[in-house]
């Protein structure tokens, strides 16, 4: 019996949401420079960098284990700095999850902003754990990216 689920994580950020969106969509290899212990590389396998329908392979380390995942950019929304990745192959699928989506967007919060990660997934059975470890990984990656973005000059 498959079980669907959704996890959402909000993280206060000090930098602008468009910087996060730009990194994830147009400059994902820069994230490997920002956080080399977490992300090792990102290859565009099909399509153009940042375009809907493009296929990307991410190589990363999570919980001390090297992993990879292949994703397709399913949706982009410039206004809300949103990007939706549908996992089509790799360590997030197979024995654990039948389907997996990773959604990133930014929302205003008072004088600041929130980076929001949403994981939508279908577990293969009830004994499969929720992907909280992967959400923790994204939290720490977000903190690294925010620290980097804060140091960047603001283009006015």
N, C-alpha and C. Protein backbone atom coordinates (compact mmCIF):
# COMPACT_ATOMS: atom_id res chain seq x y z
N UNK A 1 0.83 -1.18 0.00
CA UNK A 1 0.00 0.00 0.00
C UNK A 1 0.88 1.25 0.00
N UNK A 2 0.72 2.11 -0.97
CA UNK A 2 1.49 3.34 -1.07
C UNK A 2 0.89 4.39 -0.13
N UNK A 3 1.77 5.20 0.43
CA UNK A 3 1.36 6.27 1.33
C UNK A 3 1.94 7.58 0.82
N UNK A 4 1.06 8.56 0.56
CA UNK A 4 1.55 9.85 0.10
C UNK A 4 1.80 10.75 1.29
N UNK A 5 2.72 11.70 1.10
CA UNK A 5 3.04 12.61 2.18
C UNK A 5 3.60 13.91 1.67
N UNK A 6 3.68 14.87 2.59
CA UNK A 6 4.22 16.18 2.28
C UNK A 6 4.92 16.70 3.53
N UNK A 7 6.14 17.17 3.35
CA UNK A 7 6.88 17.83 4.42
C UNK A 7 7.18 19.25 3.96
N UNK A 8 7.03 20.21 4.86
CA UNK A 8 7.31 21.61 4.54
C UNK A 8 8.24 22.17 5.60
N UNK A 9 9.27 22.88 5.16
CA UNK A 9 10.23 23.51 6.07
C UNK A 9 10.36 24.98 5.70
N UNK A 10 10.24 25.85 6.70
CA UNK A 10 10.43 27.28 6.53
C UNK A 10 11.75 27.67 7.19
N UNK A 11 12.54 28.48 6.51
CA UNK A 11 13.79 28.96 7.09
C UNK A 11 13.89 30.46 6.84
N UNK A 12 14.02 31.25 7.93
CA UNK A 12 14.26 32.68 7.77
C UNK A 12 15.57 32.87 7.02
N UNK A 13 15.55 33.79 6.04
CA UNK A 13 16.78 34.10 5.32
C UNK A 13 17.03 35.60 5.40
N UNK A 14 18.29 35.95 5.39
CA UNK A 14 18.70 37.35 5.45
C UNK A 14 18.89 37.94 4.06
N UNK A 15 19.15 37.09 3.09
CA UNK A 15 19.39 37.56 1.73
C UNK A 15 18.10 37.53 0.91
N UNK A 16 18.18 38.10 -0.27
CA UNK A 16 17.02 38.19 -1.15
C UNK A 16 16.68 36.84 -1.77
N UNK A 17 15.39 36.59 -1.94
CA UNK A 17 14.92 35.33 -2.51
C UNK A 17 15.35 35.12 -3.94
N UNK A 18 15.51 36.22 -4.71
CA UNK A 18 15.92 36.07 -6.10
C UNK A 18 17.33 35.49 -6.20
N UNK A 19 18.16 35.71 -5.19
CA UNK A 19 19.51 35.14 -5.20
C UNK A 19 19.45 33.62 -5.06
N UNK A 20 18.58 33.13 -4.19
CA UNK A 20 18.39 31.69 -4.05
C UNK A 20 17.86 31.08 -5.35
N UNK A 21 16.86 31.74 -5.89
CA UNK A 21 16.23 31.25 -7.12
C UNK A 21 17.26 31.19 -8.25
N UNK A 22 18.08 32.22 -8.35
CA UNK A 22 19.11 32.26 -9.39
C UNK A 22 20.12 31.13 -9.21
N UNK A 23 20.54 30.89 -7.97
CA UNK A 23 21.48 29.79 -7.72
C UNK A 23 20.88 28.44 -8.11
N UNK A 24 19.68 28.18 -7.66
CA UNK A 24 19.05 26.88 -7.92
C UNK A 24 18.71 26.68 -9.39
N UNK A 25 18.32 27.75 -10.04
CA UNK A 25 17.85 27.62 -11.43
C UNK A 25 18.98 27.78 -12.45
N UNK A 26 19.79 28.83 -12.30
CA UNK A 26 20.76 29.16 -13.34
C UNK A 26 22.21 28.85 -12.98
N UNK A 27 22.52 28.76 -11.69
CA UNK A 27 23.91 28.56 -11.29
C UNK A 27 24.06 27.46 -10.22
N UNK A 28 23.46 26.29 -10.44
CA UNK A 28 23.52 25.25 -9.41
C UNK A 28 24.93 24.76 -9.10
N UNK A 29 25.84 24.84 -10.07
CA UNK A 29 27.22 24.42 -9.78
C UNK A 29 27.90 25.34 -8.77
N UNK A 30 27.44 26.60 -8.69
CA UNK A 30 27.99 27.51 -7.69
C UNK A 30 27.68 27.04 -6.27
N UNK A 31 26.60 26.30 -6.10
CA UNK A 31 26.25 25.78 -4.78
C UNK A 31 27.32 24.79 -4.31
N UNK A 32 27.92 24.07 -5.24
CA UNK A 32 29.00 23.15 -4.89
C UNK A 32 30.22 23.90 -4.36
N UNK A 33 30.44 25.10 -4.84
CA UNK A 33 31.53 25.94 -4.33
C UNK A 33 31.18 26.50 -2.96
N UNK A 34 29.91 26.86 -2.78
CA UNK A 34 29.43 27.43 -1.52
C UNK A 34 29.43 26.37 -0.41
N UNK A 35 29.04 25.16 -0.76
CA UNK A 35 28.87 24.10 0.24
C UNK A 35 29.44 22.77 -0.30
N UNK A 36 30.78 22.72 -0.48
CA UNK A 36 31.38 21.54 -1.12
C UNK A 36 31.26 20.24 -0.33
N UNK A 37 31.02 20.34 0.97
CA UNK A 37 30.83 19.12 1.76
C UNK A 37 29.45 18.51 1.55
N UNK A 38 28.52 19.28 0.98
CA UNK A 38 27.15 18.80 0.77
C UNK A 38 26.84 18.52 -0.70
N UNK A 39 27.26 19.41 -1.59
CA UNK A 39 26.96 19.27 -3.01
C UNK A 39 28.26 19.23 -3.80
N UNK A 40 28.39 18.25 -4.67
CA UNK A 40 29.64 18.04 -5.39
C UNK A 40 29.57 18.44 -6.85
N UNK A 41 28.39 18.50 -7.39
CA UNK A 41 28.27 18.89 -8.78
C UNK A 41 26.86 18.75 -9.29
N UNK A 42 26.65 19.37 -10.44
CA UNK A 42 25.33 19.39 -11.05
C UNK A 42 25.54 19.43 -12.55
N UNK A 43 25.06 18.41 -13.25
CA UNK A 43 25.22 18.34 -14.69
C UNK A 43 23.86 18.45 -15.39
N UNK A 44 23.81 19.27 -16.42
CA UNK A 44 22.62 19.37 -17.25
C UNK A 44 22.70 18.24 -18.28
N UNK A 45 21.77 17.31 -18.23
CA UNK A 45 21.78 16.16 -19.13
C UNK A 45 20.96 16.39 -20.38
N UNK A 46 19.90 17.18 -20.25
CA UNK A 46 19.03 17.51 -21.38
C UNK A 46 18.49 18.91 -21.18
N UNK A 47 18.31 19.63 -22.28
CA UNK A 47 17.71 20.96 -22.22
C UNK A 47 18.73 22.03 -21.89
N UNK A 48 18.21 23.17 -21.47
CA UNK A 48 19.04 24.33 -21.14
C UNK A 48 18.95 24.62 -19.64
N UNK A 49 20.06 25.11 -19.10
CA UNK A 49 20.12 25.42 -17.67
C UNK A 49 18.94 26.31 -17.27
N UNK A 50 18.17 25.84 -16.30
CA UNK A 50 17.07 26.62 -15.74
C UNK A 50 15.76 26.54 -16.50
N UNK A 51 15.73 25.87 -17.65
CA UNK A 51 14.50 25.82 -18.45
C UNK A 51 13.60 24.66 -18.01
N UNK A 52 12.30 24.91 -18.05
CA UNK A 52 11.33 23.86 -17.76
C UNK A 52 11.57 22.72 -18.75
N UNK A 53 11.58 21.50 -18.25
CA UNK A 53 11.82 20.33 -19.06
C UNK A 53 13.27 19.87 -19.07
N UNK A 54 14.17 20.69 -18.54
CA UNK A 54 15.58 20.31 -18.48
C UNK A 54 15.78 19.20 -17.45
N UNK A 55 16.72 18.29 -17.75
CA UNK A 55 17.04 17.18 -16.86
C UNK A 55 18.41 17.46 -16.24
N UNK A 56 18.46 17.35 -14.92
CA UNK A 56 19.67 17.68 -14.15
C UNK A 56 20.05 16.48 -13.29
N UNK A 57 21.34 16.22 -13.17
CA UNK A 57 21.84 15.21 -12.26
C UNK A 57 22.63 15.90 -11.15
N UNK A 58 22.24 15.69 -9.92
CA UNK A 58 22.90 16.28 -8.75
C UNK A 58 23.70 15.19 -8.04
N UNK A 59 24.95 15.50 -7.69
CA UNK A 59 25.80 14.61 -6.88
C UNK A 59 26.01 15.29 -5.54
N UNK A 60 25.71 14.59 -4.45
CA UNK A 60 25.75 15.21 -3.13
C UNK A 60 26.11 14.18 -2.06
N UNK A 61 26.40 14.69 -0.87
CA UNK A 61 26.63 13.83 0.28
C UNK A 61 25.59 14.17 1.34
N UNK A 62 24.89 13.14 1.77
CA UNK A 62 23.86 13.30 2.81
C UNK A 62 24.12 12.25 3.87
N UNK A 63 24.17 12.65 5.10
CA UNK A 63 24.42 11.72 6.22
C UNK A 63 25.69 10.90 6.00
N UNK A 64 26.73 11.56 5.45
CA UNK A 64 28.01 10.91 5.24
C UNK A 64 28.06 9.94 4.08
N UNK A 65 27.00 9.88 3.29
CA UNK A 65 26.93 8.93 2.18
C UNK A 65 26.78 9.69 0.85
N UNK A 66 27.63 9.34 -0.13
CA UNK A 66 27.54 9.97 -1.45
C UNK A 66 26.31 9.43 -2.18
N UNK A 67 25.57 10.36 -2.78
CA UNK A 67 24.32 10.01 -3.45
C UNK A 67 24.21 10.82 -4.74
N UNK A 68 23.26 10.43 -5.56
CA UNK A 68 22.94 11.21 -6.76
C UNK A 68 21.46 11.09 -7.04
N UNK A 69 20.96 12.08 -7.74
CA UNK A 69 19.56 12.07 -8.14
C UNK A 69 19.43 12.79 -9.47
N UNK A 70 18.55 12.28 -10.29
CA UNK A 70 18.26 12.91 -11.58
C UNK A 70 16.87 13.51 -11.48
N UNK A 71 16.78 14.78 -11.87
CA UNK A 71 15.51 15.51 -11.74
C UNK A 71 15.20 16.26 -13.02
N UNK A 72 13.93 16.50 -13.22
CA UNK A 72 13.48 17.34 -14.32
C UNK A 72 12.86 18.60 -13.73
N UNK A 73 13.19 19.75 -14.31
CA UNK A 73 12.55 21.00 -13.86
C UNK A 73 11.13 20.98 -14.42
N UNK A 74 10.17 20.92 -13.50
CA UNK A 74 8.78 20.77 -13.90
C UNK A 74 8.05 22.11 -14.00
N UNK A 75 8.48 23.07 -13.18
CA UNK A 75 7.78 24.36 -13.16
C UNK A 75 8.71 25.43 -12.61
N UNK A 76 8.55 26.65 -13.12
CA UNK A 76 9.31 27.80 -12.64
C UNK A 76 8.36 28.98 -12.53
N UNK A 77 8.47 29.73 -11.44
CA UNK A 77 7.66 30.94 -11.23
C UNK A 77 8.61 32.03 -10.74
N UNK A 78 8.93 32.96 -11.64
CA UNK A 78 9.88 34.03 -11.30
C UNK A 78 9.34 34.94 -10.19
N UNK A 79 8.06 35.23 -10.19
CA UNK A 79 7.47 36.14 -9.22
C UNK A 79 7.65 35.65 -7.79
N UNK A 80 7.38 34.36 -7.57
CA UNK A 80 7.48 33.79 -6.23
C UNK A 80 8.81 33.07 -6.00
N UNK A 81 9.75 33.27 -6.93
CA UNK A 81 11.07 32.62 -6.83
C UNK A 81 10.90 31.12 -6.56
N UNK A 82 10.03 30.50 -7.36
CA UNK A 82 9.72 29.09 -7.16
C UNK A 82 10.32 28.25 -8.29
N UNK A 83 10.77 27.06 -7.90
CA UNK A 83 11.22 26.06 -8.86
C UNK A 83 10.78 24.70 -8.34
N UNK A 84 10.24 23.87 -9.25
CA UNK A 84 9.76 22.54 -8.90
C UNK A 84 10.61 21.52 -9.63
N UNK A 85 11.22 20.62 -8.86
CA UNK A 85 12.01 19.53 -9.41
C UNK A 85 11.25 18.22 -9.18
N UNK A 86 11.07 17.45 -10.24
CA UNK A 86 10.48 16.12 -10.12
C UNK A 86 11.62 15.12 -10.24
N UNK A 87 11.81 14.30 -9.22
CA UNK A 87 12.86 13.29 -9.23
C UNK A 87 12.43 12.17 -10.18
N UNK A 88 13.33 11.82 -11.10
CA UNK A 88 13.00 10.78 -12.07
C UNK A 88 13.91 9.55 -11.94
N UNK A 89 14.98 9.69 -11.15
CA UNK A 89 15.92 8.58 -11.00
C UNK A 89 16.86 8.89 -9.84
N UNK A 90 17.41 7.86 -9.21
CA UNK A 90 18.45 8.07 -8.21
C UNK A 90 18.08 7.59 -6.83
N UNK A 91 18.86 8.07 -5.85
CA UNK A 91 18.77 7.58 -4.48
C UNK A 91 17.47 7.94 -3.76
N UNK A 92 16.73 8.91 -4.25
CA UNK A 92 15.45 9.26 -3.61
C UNK A 92 14.30 8.38 -4.08
N UNK A 93 14.55 7.59 -5.11
CA UNK A 93 13.51 6.69 -5.62
C UNK A 93 13.96 5.25 -5.39
N UNK A 94 13.26 4.32 -5.96
CA UNK A 94 13.67 2.92 -5.89
C UNK A 94 13.04 2.17 -4.75
N UNK A 95 13.84 1.86 -3.72
CA UNK A 95 13.38 1.04 -2.61
C UNK A 95 12.51 1.80 -1.61
N UNK A 96 12.50 3.12 -1.69
CA UNK A 96 11.80 3.91 -0.68
C UNK A 96 10.56 4.63 -1.20
N UNK A 97 10.75 5.39 -2.28
CA UNK A 97 9.68 6.26 -2.74
C UNK A 97 9.32 5.95 -4.19
N UNK A 98 8.04 5.94 -4.45
CA UNK A 98 7.56 5.72 -5.80
C UNK A 98 7.65 7.02 -6.61
N UNK A 99 7.38 8.14 -5.95
CA UNK A 99 7.49 9.45 -6.59
C UNK A 99 8.01 10.45 -5.56
N UNK A 100 8.66 11.51 -6.07
CA UNK A 100 9.28 12.49 -5.18
C UNK A 100 9.40 13.81 -5.92
N UNK A 101 8.89 14.89 -5.31
CA UNK A 101 9.04 16.25 -5.84
C UNK A 101 9.70 17.12 -4.79
N UNK A 102 10.54 18.03 -5.27
CA UNK A 102 11.22 18.99 -4.41
C UNK A 102 10.82 20.37 -4.91
N UNK A 103 10.19 21.15 -4.04
CA UNK A 103 9.70 22.47 -4.41
C UNK A 103 10.38 23.50 -3.52
N UNK A 104 10.92 24.54 -4.16
CA UNK A 104 11.52 25.64 -3.42
C UNK A 104 10.82 26.92 -3.82
N UNK A 105 10.48 27.75 -2.84
CA UNK A 105 10.00 29.10 -3.14
C UNK A 105 10.28 30.01 -1.95
N UNK A 106 10.06 31.30 -2.18
CA UNK A 106 10.33 32.31 -1.16
C UNK A 106 9.04 33.10 -0.91
N UNK A 107 8.78 33.38 0.36
CA UNK A 107 7.62 34.20 0.74
C UNK A 107 8.09 35.32 1.66
N UNK A 108 7.41 36.47 1.60
CA UNK A 108 7.75 37.55 2.54
C UNK A 108 7.32 37.18 3.96
N UNK A 109 8.08 37.69 4.92
CA UNK A 109 7.74 37.49 6.34
C UNK A 109 8.16 38.76 7.07
N UNK A 110 7.19 39.61 7.35
CA UNK A 110 7.51 40.87 8.00
C UNK A 110 8.47 41.66 7.15
N UNK A 111 9.60 42.05 7.75
CA UNK A 111 10.63 42.79 7.01
C UNK A 111 11.60 41.85 6.30
N UNK A 112 11.44 40.55 6.48
CA UNK A 112 12.37 39.59 5.88
C UNK A 112 11.69 38.66 4.90
N UNK A 113 12.32 37.52 4.72
CA UNK A 113 11.79 36.52 3.81
C UNK A 113 12.00 35.13 4.39
N UNK A 114 11.17 34.20 3.89
CA UNK A 114 11.29 32.79 4.25
C UNK A 114 11.66 31.98 3.01
N UNK A 115 12.65 31.14 3.15
CA UNK A 115 12.93 30.13 2.15
C UNK A 115 12.09 28.92 2.53
N UNK A 116 11.32 28.41 1.60
CA UNK A 116 10.40 27.31 1.91
C UNK A 116 10.69 26.14 0.98
N UNK A 117 10.96 25.01 1.60
CA UNK A 117 11.15 23.75 0.87
C UNK A 117 9.94 22.87 1.15
N UNK A 118 9.39 22.29 0.10
CA UNK A 118 8.29 21.34 0.23
C UNK A 118 8.70 20.05 -0.46
N UNK A 119 8.56 18.96 0.24
CA UNK A 119 8.80 17.64 -0.32
C UNK A 119 7.46 16.94 -0.45
N UNK A 120 7.10 16.54 -1.66
CA UNK A 120 5.90 15.75 -1.90
C UNK A 120 6.36 14.39 -2.37
N UNK A 121 5.83 13.33 -1.76
CA UNK A 121 6.36 12.01 -2.04
C UNK A 121 5.29 10.94 -1.87
N UNK A 122 5.57 9.80 -2.47
CA UNK A 122 4.73 8.63 -2.29
C UNK A 122 5.65 7.50 -1.83
N UNK A 123 5.46 7.07 -0.58
CA UNK A 123 6.26 5.97 -0.04
C UNK A 123 5.75 4.66 -0.63
N UNK A 124 6.68 3.72 -0.81
CA UNK A 124 6.28 2.42 -1.36
C UNK A 124 5.43 1.61 -0.39
N UNK A 125 5.68 1.81 0.92
CA UNK A 125 4.85 1.14 1.92
C UNK A 125 4.94 1.91 3.23
N UNK A 126 4.16 1.50 4.22
CA UNK A 126 4.07 2.24 5.48
C UNK A 126 5.34 2.16 6.32
N UNK A 127 6.22 1.20 6.05
CA UNK A 127 7.46 1.08 6.84
C UNK A 127 8.56 2.02 6.36
N UNK A 128 8.39 2.66 5.20
CA UNK A 128 9.39 3.59 4.67
C UNK A 128 9.36 4.86 5.53
N UNK A 129 10.53 5.34 5.95
CA UNK A 129 10.55 6.55 6.79
C UNK A 129 10.19 7.80 5.99
N UNK A 130 9.71 8.80 6.69
CA UNK A 130 9.50 10.10 6.07
C UNK A 130 10.88 10.68 5.77
N UNK A 131 11.01 11.48 4.71
CA UNK A 131 12.33 11.97 4.31
C UNK A 131 12.81 13.16 5.15
N UNK A 132 12.76 13.03 6.46
CA UNK A 132 13.18 14.12 7.34
C UNK A 132 14.69 14.36 7.26
N UNK A 133 15.46 13.32 7.03
CA UNK A 133 16.91 13.49 6.90
C UNK A 133 17.24 14.32 5.67
N UNK A 134 16.52 14.09 4.57
CA UNK A 134 16.75 14.88 3.37
C UNK A 134 16.31 16.32 3.60
N UNK A 135 15.24 16.53 4.35
CA UNK A 135 14.79 17.89 4.67
C UNK A 135 15.85 18.59 5.52
N UNK A 136 16.44 17.89 6.48
CA UNK A 136 17.54 18.47 7.27
C UNK A 136 18.70 18.87 6.37
N UNK A 137 19.00 18.02 5.39
CA UNK A 137 20.07 18.31 4.43
C UNK A 137 19.76 19.63 3.72
N UNK A 138 18.53 19.80 3.24
CA UNK A 138 18.14 21.03 2.55
C UNK A 138 18.21 22.24 3.47
N UNK A 139 17.85 22.07 4.74
CA UNK A 139 17.95 23.15 5.72
C UNK A 139 19.39 23.64 5.83
N UNK A 140 20.32 22.72 5.99
CA UNK A 140 21.73 23.10 6.15
C UNK A 140 22.29 23.70 4.86
N UNK A 141 21.84 23.21 3.72
CA UNK A 141 22.25 23.79 2.45
C UNK A 141 21.71 25.22 2.32
N UNK A 142 20.49 25.44 2.76
CA UNK A 142 19.88 26.77 2.74
C UNK A 142 20.66 27.74 3.62
N UNK A 143 21.05 27.29 4.79
CA UNK A 143 21.83 28.14 5.71
C UNK A 143 23.16 28.52 5.07
N UNK A 144 23.83 27.56 4.42
CA UNK A 144 25.09 27.85 3.72
C UNK A 144 24.89 28.85 2.59
N UNK A 145 23.83 28.64 1.81
CA UNK A 145 23.55 29.54 0.68
C UNK A 145 23.22 30.95 1.19
N UNK A 146 22.46 31.05 2.27
CA UNK A 146 22.11 32.36 2.81
C UNK A 146 23.35 33.09 3.30
N UNK A 147 24.22 32.40 4.00
CA UNK A 147 25.46 33.02 4.49
C UNK A 147 26.29 33.54 3.31
N UNK A 148 26.34 32.77 2.24
CA UNK A 148 27.07 33.20 1.04
C UNK A 148 26.40 34.42 0.40
N UNK A 149 25.07 34.36 0.25
CA UNK A 149 24.35 35.45 -0.41
C UNK A 149 24.44 36.76 0.35
N UNK A 150 24.47 36.69 1.67
CA UNK A 150 24.56 37.89 2.49
C UNK A 150 25.87 38.64 2.22
N UNK A 151 26.92 37.88 1.89
CA UNK A 151 28.23 38.47 1.64
C UNK A 151 28.34 39.10 0.24
N UNK A 152 27.37 38.81 -0.64
CA UNK A 152 27.42 39.31 -2.01
C UNK A 152 26.95 40.75 -2.07
N UNK A 153 27.58 41.56 -2.95
CA UNK A 153 27.10 42.95 -3.11
C UNK A 153 25.71 42.95 -3.73
N UNK A 154 24.92 43.93 -3.36
CA UNK A 154 23.55 44.05 -3.87
C UNK A 154 23.58 44.85 -5.16
N UNK A 155 23.02 44.30 -6.22
CA UNK A 155 22.91 45.01 -7.50
C UNK A 155 21.63 45.83 -7.47
N UNK A 156 21.77 47.08 -7.59
CA UNK A 156 20.59 47.97 -7.58
C UNK A 156 20.31 48.46 -8.96
